[in-house]
Amino acid sequence: MAIETTTTGILLIIAIMALVTLATRFGGTFLMSFVTISPRVEGFINAMASSVLIAILTPMAFDGDIGARAALGTTALVMLATRKPLPAIAAGILAAALSRYLF
């Protein structure tokens, strides 16, 4: 199926992507309504969230540019020091911007 890249086609693509996103979000919530949240299930959900984060960050650590590595390192250090995610994220964004501007 090919969709033309006209204004109507682009709006159709955006609408389809929005529907798929909503279906996955609501579908997951609907399916989880049938699951009893035991400590084992809760542990699985927590481990799954961590594994997704690691899967996103690992390629960036190995194949990223200097800005990506600076952001990753700065975010990790600030998070370890402060235990607060918002300052860590802000520091990582600032490190990426500065390193990309200077190098």
N, C-alpha and C. Protein backbone atom coordinates (compact mmCIF):
# COMPACT_ATOMS: atom_id res chain seq x y z
N MET A 1 0.84 -1.18 0.00
CA MET A 1 0.00 0.00 0.00
C MET A 1 0.88 1.24 0.00
N ALA A 2 0.62 2.12 -0.92
CA ALA A 2 1.39 3.36 -1.01
C ALA A 2 0.47 4.54 -0.75
N ILE A 3 0.95 5.45 0.06
CA ILE A 3 0.19 6.67 0.35
C ILE A 3 0.98 7.84 -0.21
N GLU A 4 0.31 8.64 -1.00
CA GLU A 4 0.96 9.80 -1.60
C GLU A 4 1.37 10.80 -0.52
N THR A 5 2.45 11.51 -0.75
CA THR A 5 2.92 12.49 0.23
C THR A 5 2.33 13.87 -0.04
N THR A 6 1.04 13.88 -0.22
CA THR A 6 0.32 15.14 -0.32
C THR A 6 -0.14 15.51 1.10
N THR A 7 -0.78 16.64 1.23
CA THR A 7 -1.26 17.05 2.55
C THR A 7 -2.23 16.02 3.12
N THR A 8 -3.14 15.54 2.30
CA THR A 8 -4.10 14.53 2.75
C THR A 8 -3.40 13.23 3.13
N GLY A 9 -2.44 12.83 2.33
CA GLY A 9 -1.70 11.60 2.61
C GLY A 9 -0.93 11.68 3.92
N ILE A 10 -0.30 12.81 4.15
CA ILE A 10 0.46 13.00 5.39
C ILE A 10 -0.47 13.00 6.59
N LEU A 11 -1.60 13.66 6.48
CA LEU A 11 -2.58 13.65 7.57
C LEU A 11 -3.11 12.24 7.83
N LEU A 12 -3.28 11.46 6.75
CA LEU A 12 -3.72 10.08 6.90
C LEU A 12 -2.66 9.24 7.62
N ILE A 13 -1.42 9.44 7.28
CA ILE A 13 -0.33 8.71 7.95
C ILE A 13 -0.29 9.07 9.43
N ILE A 14 -0.42 10.35 9.76
CA ILE A 14 -0.42 10.77 11.16
C ILE A 14 -1.60 10.16 11.90
N ALA A 15 -2.77 10.14 11.28
CA ALA A 15 -3.96 9.55 11.92
C ALA A 15 -3.77 8.06 12.16
N ILE A 16 -3.20 7.36 11.18
CA ILE A 16 -2.95 5.91 11.35
C ILE A 16 -1.96 5.68 12.48
N MET A 17 -0.88 6.47 12.53
CA MET A 17 0.10 6.31 13.61
C MET A 17 -0.52 6.60 14.97
N ALA A 18 -1.39 7.60 15.04
CA ALA A 18 -2.06 7.91 16.31
C ALA A 18 -2.97 6.77 16.73
N LEU A 19 -3.69 6.17 15.79
CA LEU A 19 -4.56 5.05 16.12
C LEU A 19 -3.77 3.83 16.58
N VAL A 20 -2.65 3.55 15.94
CA VAL A 20 -1.81 2.42 16.36
C VAL A 20 -1.26 2.67 17.75
N THR A 21 -0.82 3.89 18.02
CA THR A 21 -0.31 4.22 19.35
C THR A 21 -1.40 4.06 20.40
N LEU A 22 -2.58 4.58 20.13
CA LEU A 22 -3.68 4.44 21.08
C LEU A 22 -4.07 2.98 21.27
N ALA A 23 -4.07 2.20 20.20
CA ALA A 23 -4.44 0.78 20.31
C ALA A 23 -3.44 0.02 21.18
N THR A 24 -2.16 0.31 21.02
CA THR A 24 -1.18 -0.40 21.85
C THR A 24 -1.27 0.04 23.31
N ARG A 25 -1.48 1.31 23.55
CA ARG A 25 -1.60 1.78 24.94
C ARG A 25 -2.85 1.26 25.61
N PHE A 26 -3.99 1.40 24.95
CA PHE A 26 -5.23 0.91 25.53
C PHE A 26 -5.27 -0.61 25.58
N GLY A 27 -4.68 -1.24 24.56
CA GLY A 27 -4.64 -2.70 24.53
C GLY A 27 -3.83 -3.27 25.68
N GLY A 28 -2.71 -2.65 25.97
CA GLY A 28 -1.89 -3.10 27.09
C GLY A 28 -2.60 -2.93 28.41
N THR A 29 -3.26 -1.80 28.59
CA THR A 29 -4.04 -1.57 29.81
C THR A 29 -5.18 -2.56 29.92
N PHE A 30 -5.85 -2.83 28.80
CA PHE A 30 -6.95 -3.79 28.79
C PHE A 30 -6.45 -5.19 29.15
N LEU A 31 -5.35 -5.62 28.54
CA LEU A 31 -4.82 -6.96 28.85
C LEU A 31 -4.36 -7.07 30.30
N MET A 32 -3.74 -6.01 30.81
CA MET A 32 -3.25 -6.06 32.19
C MET A 32 -4.39 -6.03 33.21
N SER A 33 -5.60 -5.65 32.78
CA SER A 33 -6.74 -5.69 33.70
C SER A 33 -7.12 -7.12 34.06
N PHE A 34 -6.67 -8.09 33.27
CA PHE A 34 -6.95 -9.50 33.55
C PHE A 34 -5.84 -10.17 34.35
N VAL A 35 -4.75 -9.46 34.60
CA VAL A 35 -3.59 -10.04 35.29
C VAL A 35 -3.57 -9.56 36.74
N THR A 36 -3.43 -10.50 37.66
CA THR A 36 -3.27 -10.14 39.07
C THR A 36 -1.83 -9.70 39.29
N ILE A 37 -1.66 -8.53 39.88
CA ILE A 37 -0.32 -7.99 40.09
C ILE A 37 0.26 -8.60 41.37
N SER A 38 1.01 -9.66 41.17
CA SER A 38 1.70 -10.30 42.29
C SER A 38 3.11 -9.71 42.37
N PRO A 39 3.83 -10.00 43.44
CA PRO A 39 5.22 -9.50 43.51
C PRO A 39 6.07 -9.99 42.33
N ARG A 40 5.79 -11.18 41.84
CA ARG A 40 6.56 -11.71 40.71
C ARG A 40 6.26 -10.91 39.44
N VAL A 41 4.98 -10.62 39.19
CA VAL A 41 4.60 -9.82 38.01
C VAL A 41 5.15 -8.41 38.13
N GLU A 42 5.09 -7.83 39.31
CA GLU A 42 5.63 -6.49 39.51
C GLU A 42 7.14 -6.46 39.26
N GLY A 43 7.84 -7.49 39.72
CA GLY A 43 9.27 -7.58 39.45
C GLY A 43 9.57 -7.69 37.97
N PHE A 44 8.74 -8.47 37.25
CA PHE A 44 8.91 -8.60 35.80
C PHE A 44 8.72 -7.26 35.11
N ILE A 45 7.69 -6.51 35.50
CA ILE A 45 7.41 -5.22 34.88
C ILE A 45 8.57 -4.25 35.15
N ASN A 46 9.08 -4.23 36.37
CA ASN A 46 10.21 -3.35 36.69
C ASN A 46 11.46 -3.73 35.91
N ALA A 47 11.71 -5.04 35.78
CA ALA A 47 12.88 -5.49 35.04
C ALA A 47 12.73 -5.17 33.55
N MET A 48 11.53 -5.27 33.04
CA MET A 48 11.29 -4.97 31.63
C MET A 48 11.56 -3.50 31.33
N ALA A 49 11.13 -2.61 32.22
CA ALA A 49 11.39 -1.18 32.02
C ALA A 49 12.89 -0.91 32.00
N SER A 50 13.63 -1.53 32.89
CA SER A 50 15.08 -1.33 32.92
C SER A 50 15.74 -1.88 31.67
N SER A 51 15.27 -3.02 31.19
CA SER A 51 15.90 -3.61 30.01
C SER A 51 15.64 -2.77 28.76
N VAL A 52 14.49 -2.14 28.67
CA VAL A 52 14.22 -1.24 27.54
C VAL A 52 15.14 -0.03 27.59
N LEU A 53 15.32 0.53 28.78
CA LEU A 53 16.22 1.67 28.93
C LEU A 53 17.65 1.29 28.55
N ILE A 54 18.10 0.14 28.99
CA ILE A 54 19.45 -0.31 28.64
C ILE A 54 19.58 -0.55 27.15
N ALA A 55 18.55 -1.10 26.53
CA ALA A 55 18.58 -1.34 25.08
C ALA A 55 18.66 -0.05 24.30
N ILE A 56 18.13 1.03 24.83
CA ILE A 56 18.21 2.32 24.15
C ILE A 56 19.57 2.97 24.36
N LEU A 57 20.11 2.86 25.58
CA LEU A 57 21.34 3.58 25.92
C LEU A 57 22.61 2.89 25.45
N THR A 58 22.64 1.57 25.39
CA THR A 58 23.87 0.85 25.04
C THR A 58 24.38 1.22 23.65
N PRO A 59 23.57 1.20 22.61
CA PRO A 59 24.11 1.61 21.30
C PRO A 59 24.63 3.04 21.29
N MET A 60 23.97 3.91 22.06
CA MET A 60 24.41 5.30 22.12
C MET A 60 25.79 5.39 22.78
N ALA A 61 26.05 4.54 23.76
CA ALA A 61 27.34 4.58 24.44
C ALA A 61 28.46 4.09 23.53
N PHE A 62 28.17 3.13 22.66
CA PHE A 62 29.20 2.58 21.79
C PHE A 62 29.33 3.29 20.45
N ASP A 63 28.22 3.66 19.85
CA ASP A 63 28.24 4.23 18.51
C ASP A 63 27.91 5.71 18.46
N GLY A 64 27.60 6.32 19.59
CA GLY A 64 27.21 7.72 19.60
C GLY A 64 28.39 8.66 19.40
N ASP A 65 28.09 9.88 19.05
CA ASP A 65 29.13 10.88 18.89
C ASP A 65 29.55 11.42 20.26
N ILE A 66 30.40 12.41 20.26
CA ILE A 66 30.93 12.96 21.51
C ILE A 66 29.80 13.57 22.35
N GLY A 67 28.81 14.16 21.69
CA GLY A 67 27.68 14.74 22.42
C GLY A 67 26.85 13.69 23.14
N ALA A 68 26.62 12.57 22.48
CA ALA A 68 25.84 11.48 23.09
C ALA A 68 26.59 10.90 24.29
N ARG A 69 27.87 10.71 24.13
CA ARG A 69 28.67 10.14 25.24
C ARG A 69 28.77 11.13 26.40
N ALA A 70 28.92 12.41 26.09
CA ALA A 70 28.97 13.42 27.15
C ALA A 70 27.65 13.47 27.90
N ALA A 71 26.55 13.40 27.17
CA ALA A 71 25.22 13.42 27.80
C ALA A 71 25.03 12.20 28.68
N LEU A 72 25.41 11.04 28.18
CA LEU A 72 25.24 9.80 28.94
C LEU A 72 26.08 9.82 30.21
N GLY A 73 27.33 10.20 30.09
CA GLY A 73 28.21 10.25 31.26
C GLY A 73 27.79 11.28 32.28
N THR A 74 27.44 12.47 31.80
CA THR A 74 27.02 13.54 32.71
C THR A 74 25.73 13.18 33.42
N THR A 75 24.78 12.62 32.69
CA THR A 75 23.51 12.22 33.29
C THR A 75 23.74 11.17 34.36
N ALA A 76 24.60 10.19 34.07
CA ALA A 76 24.87 9.13 35.05
C ALA A 76 25.53 9.71 36.31
N LEU A 77 26.50 10.58 36.13
CA LEU A 77 27.20 11.14 37.28
C LEU A 77 26.28 12.01 38.14
N VAL A 78 25.49 12.86 37.51
CA VAL A 78 24.60 13.74 38.26
C VAL A 78 23.50 12.91 38.95
N MET A 79 23.03 11.87 38.29
CA MET A 79 22.02 11.01 38.90
C MET A 79 22.58 10.29 40.12
N LEU A 80 23.81 9.81 40.02
CA LEU A 80 24.44 9.15 41.17
C LEU A 80 24.68 10.13 42.32
N ALA A 81 25.02 11.37 41.99
CA ALA A 81 25.32 12.36 43.02
C ALA A 81 24.06 12.90 43.70
N THR A 82 23.02 13.16 42.91
CA THR A 82 21.84 13.83 43.47
C THR A 82 20.65 12.92 43.72
N ARG A 83 20.60 11.80 43.02
CA ARG A 83 19.46 10.86 43.10
C ARG A 83 18.15 11.53 42.64
N LYS A 84 18.27 12.53 41.78
CA LYS A 84 17.10 13.23 41.25
C LYS A 84 17.18 13.23 39.73
N PRO A 85 16.15 12.71 39.05
CA PRO A 85 16.25 12.57 37.60
C PRO A 85 16.19 13.89 36.83
N LEU A 86 15.42 14.86 37.27
CA LEU A 86 15.28 16.08 36.49
C LEU A 86 16.59 16.86 36.37
N PRO A 87 17.34 17.09 37.46
CA PRO A 87 18.64 17.76 37.29
C PRO A 87 19.61 16.93 36.45
N ALA A 88 19.53 15.61 36.55
CA ALA A 88 20.41 14.75 35.76
C ALA A 88 20.11 14.88 34.28
N ILE A 89 18.83 14.88 33.93
CA ILE A 89 18.43 15.03 32.53
C ILE A 89 18.84 16.40 32.00
N ALA A 90 18.62 17.43 32.80
CA ALA A 90 19.00 18.79 32.38
C ALA A 90 20.51 18.89 32.18
N ALA A 91 21.28 18.30 33.07
CA ALA A 91 22.74 18.33 32.94
C ALA A 91 23.18 17.56 31.69
N GLY A 92 22.52 16.44 31.41
CA GLY A 92 22.86 15.67 30.21
C GLY A 92 22.57 16.43 28.94
N ILE A 93 21.44 17.11 28.90
CA ILE A 93 21.10 17.92 27.72
C ILE A 93 22.10 19.05 27.54
N LEU A 94 22.45 19.69 28.65
CA LEU A 94 23.43 20.78 28.59
C LEU A 94 24.81 20.25 28.13
N ALA A 95 25.21 19.10 28.64
CA ALA A 95 26.50 18.52 28.23
C ALA A 95 26.52 18.19 26.75
N ALA A 96 25.42 17.63 26.24
CA ALA A 96 25.34 17.31 24.81
C ALA A 96 25.41 18.57 23.98
N ALA A 97 24.67 19.60 24.38
CA ALA A 97 24.65 20.85 23.62
C ALA A 97 26.02 21.52 23.61
N LEU A 98 26.66 21.57 24.78
CA LEU A 98 27.98 22.21 24.85
C LEU A 98 29.03 21.45 24.08
N SER A 99 29.04 20.14 24.21
CA SER A 99 30.07 19.37 23.50
C SER A 99 29.86 19.42 21.99
N ARG A 100 28.63 19.44 21.54
CA ARG A 100 28.39 19.54 20.09
C ARG A 100 28.68 20.94 19.57
N TYR A 101 28.49 21.93 20.42
CA TYR A 101 28.80 23.30 20.01
C TYR A 101 30.32 23.51 19.95
N LEU A 102 31.04 22.96 20.92
CA LEU A 102 32.48 23.20 21.00
C LEU A 102 33.31 22.27 20.12
N PHE A 103 32.82 21.06 19.86
CA PHE A 103 33.64 20.10 19.11
C PHE A 103 33.02 19.82 17.79
